[in-house]
C-alpha atoms as a PDB file:
ATOM      1  CA  MET A   1    -173.411 153.505  85.627  1.00  0.00           C
ATOM      2  CA  THR A   2    -173.601 156.404  88.054  1.00  0.00           C
ATOM      3  CA  GLU A   3    -173.231 160.145  87.687  1.00  0.00           C
ATOM      4  CA  GLN A   4    -171.622 162.431  90.232  1.00  0.00           C
ATOM      5  CA  ILE A   5    -173.551 165.670  90.684  1.00  0.00           C
ATOM      6  CA  ARG A   6    -172.899 168.717  92.808  1.00  0.00           C
ATOM      7  CA  LEU A   7    -175.746 170.538  94.487  1.00  0.00           C
ATOM      8  CA  ARG A   8    -175.725 173.634  96.625  1.00  0.00           C
ATOM      9  CA  ILE A   9    -177.786 173.073  99.759  1.00  0.00           C
ATOM     10  CA  ASP A  10    -177.891 175.063 102.973  1.00  0.00           C
ATOM     11  CA  SER A  11    -175.284 173.455 105.254  1.00  0.00           C
ATOM     12  CA  GLU A  12    -177.614 173.278 108.268  1.00  0.00           C
ATOM     13  CA  LEU A  13    -180.318 171.622 106.160  1.00  0.00           C
ATOM     14  CA  ALA A  14    -177.779 169.131 104.787  1.00  0.00           C
ATOM     15  CA  GLU A  15    -176.624 168.234 108.316  1.00  0.00           C
ATOM     16  CA  GLU A  16    -180.207 167.778 109.546  1.00  0.00           C
ATOM     17  CA  ALA A  17    -181.062 165.654 106.512  1.00  0.00           C
ATOM     18  CA  ASP A  18    -177.976 163.512 107.141  1.00  0.00           C
ATOM     19  CA  VAL A  19    -179.180 162.869 110.696  1.00  0.00           C
ATOM     20  CA  VAL A  20    -182.628 161.839 109.419  1.00  0.00           C
ATOM     21  CA  CYS A  21    -181.046 159.554 106.812  1.00  0.00           C
ATOM     22  CA  ARG A  22    -178.961 157.836 109.486  1.00  0.00           C
ATOM     23  CA  GLU A  23    -182.060 157.478 111.691  1.00  0.00           C
ATOM     24  CA  ILE A  24    -183.968 155.696 108.925  1.00  0.00           C
ATOM     25  CA  GLY A  25    -180.959 153.657 107.793  1.00  0.00           C
ATOM     26  CA  ILE A  26    -180.146 155.140 104.393  1.00  0.00           C
ATOM     27  CA  THR A  27    -177.436 157.364 102.999  1.00  0.00           C
ATOM     28  CA  PRO A  28    -178.047 160.880 101.705  1.00  0.00           C
ATOM     29  CA  THR A  29    -177.026 159.552  98.271  1.00  0.00           C
ATOM     30  CA  ALA A  30    -179.749 156.893  98.465  1.00  0.00           C
ATOM     31  CA  ALA A  31    -182.293 159.504  99.604  1.00  0.00           C
ATOM     32  CA  VAL A  32    -181.492 161.809  96.680  1.00  0.00           C
ATOM     33  CA  SER A  33    -181.569 158.858  94.266  1.00  0.00           C
ATOM     34  CA  MET A  34    -185.013 157.847  95.567  1.00  0.00           C
ATOM     35  CA  PHE A  35    -186.234 161.432  95.253  1.00  0.00           C
ATOM     36  CA  PHE A  36    -184.971 161.694  91.657  1.00  0.00           C
ATOM     37  CA  ALA A  37    -186.486 158.297  90.748  1.00  0.00           C
ATOM     38  CA  GLN A  38    -189.906 159.339  92.037  1.00  0.00           C
ATOM     39  CA  MET A  39    -189.643 162.739  90.348  1.00  0.00           C
ATOM     40  CA  VAL A  40    -188.929 161.051  86.997  1.00  0.00           C
ATOM     41  CA  LYS A  41    -191.688 158.454  87.501  1.00  0.00           C
ATOM     42  CA  LEU A  42    -194.289 161.104  88.391  1.00  0.00           C
ATOM     43  CA  ARG A  43    -192.935 163.772  86.026  1.00  0.00           C
ATOM     44  CA  GLY A  44    -193.036 166.226  88.920  1.00  0.00           C
ATOM     45  CA  LEU A  45    -192.348 166.518  92.609  1.00  0.00           C
ATOM     46  CA  PRO A  46    -193.214 163.364  94.573  1.00  0.00           C
ATOM     47  CA  PHE A  47    -194.985 165.438  97.194  1.00  0.00           C
ATOM     48  CA  ARG A  48    -197.128 168.504  97.418  1.00  0.00           C
ATOM     49  CA  PRO A  49    -195.201 171.423  98.907  1.00  0.00           C
ATOM     50  CA  GLY A  50    -196.540 171.890 102.428  1.00  0.00           C
ATOM     51  CA  ASN A  51    -196.149 175.593 102.990  1.00  0.00           C
ATOM     52  CA  PHE A  52    -199.417 177.034 101.723  1.00  0.00           C
ATOM     53  CA  PRO A  53    -200.007 180.411 103.404  1.00  0.00           C
ATOM     54  CA  ALA A  54    -203.616 180.348 102.190  1.00  0.00           C
ATOM     55  CA  LEU A  55    -204.296 177.307 104.384  1.00  0.00           C
ATOM     56  CA  ASP A  56    -203.416 179.312 107.477  1.00  0.00           C
ATOM     57  CA  GLU A  57    -205.364 182.305 106.182  1.00  0.00           C
ATOM     58  CA  TYR A  58    -208.535 180.264 105.755  1.00  0.00           C
ATOM     59  CA  GLY A  59    -207.941 178.046 108.781  1.00  0.00           C
ATOM     60  CA  VAL A  60    -208.083 174.733 106.920  1.00  0.00           C
ATOM     61  CA  THR A  61    -205.822 171.715 106.691  1.00  0.00           C
ATOM     62  CA  LEU A  62    -204.237 170.494 103.482  1.00  0.00           C
ATOM     63  CA  ALA A  63    -206.617 167.517 103.566  1.00  0.00           C
ATOM     64  CA  GLN A  64    -209.632 169.822 103.806  1.00  0.00           C
ATOM     65  CA  ALA A  65    -208.332 171.987 100.944  1.00  0.00           C
ATOM     66  CA  THR A  66    -207.683 168.906  98.811  1.00  0.00           C
ATOM     67  CA  ALA A  67    -211.191 167.597  99.536  1.00  0.00           C
ATOM     68  CA  ALA A  68    -212.701 170.964  98.610  1.00  0.00           C
ATOM     69  CA  GLU A  69    -210.708 170.987  95.381  1.00  0.00           C
ATOM     70  CA  GLY A  70    -211.971 167.498  94.536  1.00  0.00           C
ATOM     71  CA  ALA A  71    -215.573 168.498  95.266  1.00  0.00           C
ATOM     72  CA  ALA A  72    -215.255 171.617  93.097  1.00  0.00           C
ATOM     73  CA  LEU A  73    -213.780 169.639  90.202  1.00  0.00           C
ATOM     74  CA  ALA A  74    -216.570 167.048  90.488  1.00  0.00           C
ATOM     75  CA  GLU A  75    -219.167 169.839  90.474  1.00  0.00           C
ATOM     76  CA  ILE A  76    -217.602 171.389  87.372  1.00  0.00           C
ATOM     77  CA  LYS A  77    -217.518 168.010  85.620  1.00  0.00           C
ATOM     78  CA  ALA A  78    -221.198 167.384  86.435  1.00  0.00           C
ATOM     79  CA  ALA A  79    -222.184 170.868  85.248  1.00  0.00           C
ATOM     80  CA  ARG A  80    -220.331 170.337  81.955  1.00  0.00           C
ATOM     81  CA  LYS A  81    -221.974 166.948  81.468  1.00  0.00           C
ATOM     82  CA  ALA A  82    -225.411 168.479  82.124  1.00  0.00           C
ATOM     83  CA  GLY A  83    -224.703 171.232  79.586  1.00  0.00           C
ATOM     84  CA  LYS A  84    -224.864 173.946  82.237  1.00  0.00           C
ATOM     85  CA  LEU A  85    -221.243 174.995  81.798  1.00  0.00           C
ATOM     86  CA  LYS A  86    -219.720 175.952  78.478  1.00  0.00           C
ATOM     87  CA  PRO A  87    -215.996 176.346  77.718  1.00  0.00           C
ATOM     88  CA  PHE A  88    -214.793 179.954  77.637  1.00  0.00           C
ATOM     89  CA  ALA A  89    -214.625 181.097  74.005  1.00  0.00           C
ATOM     90  CA  GLY A  90    -212.592 184.213  74.653  1.00  0.00           C
ATOM     91  CA  LYS A  91    -215.476 186.699  74.606  1.00  0.00           C
ATOM     92  CA  LEU A  92    -217.325 188.081  77.582  1.00  0.00           C
END
């Protein structure tokens, strides 16, 4: 069973996306269906939005920012395990 949905998308964006779909051999309907399937599977967007102004501000790539995030989370985890970091109890 299929469902017909209506979406409002900028006409220029829709035309450009149609060209890309034709180039890769799929229909816009198939592309949207794939996007929705991945969104449901992941319970979120199937990609990380790429327009992060902070990346430009700090002069780093998304890969570098992701690596730094991973390192920070690992450091926090190690500090918690070592008893050096306590959960915030709501009082300063």
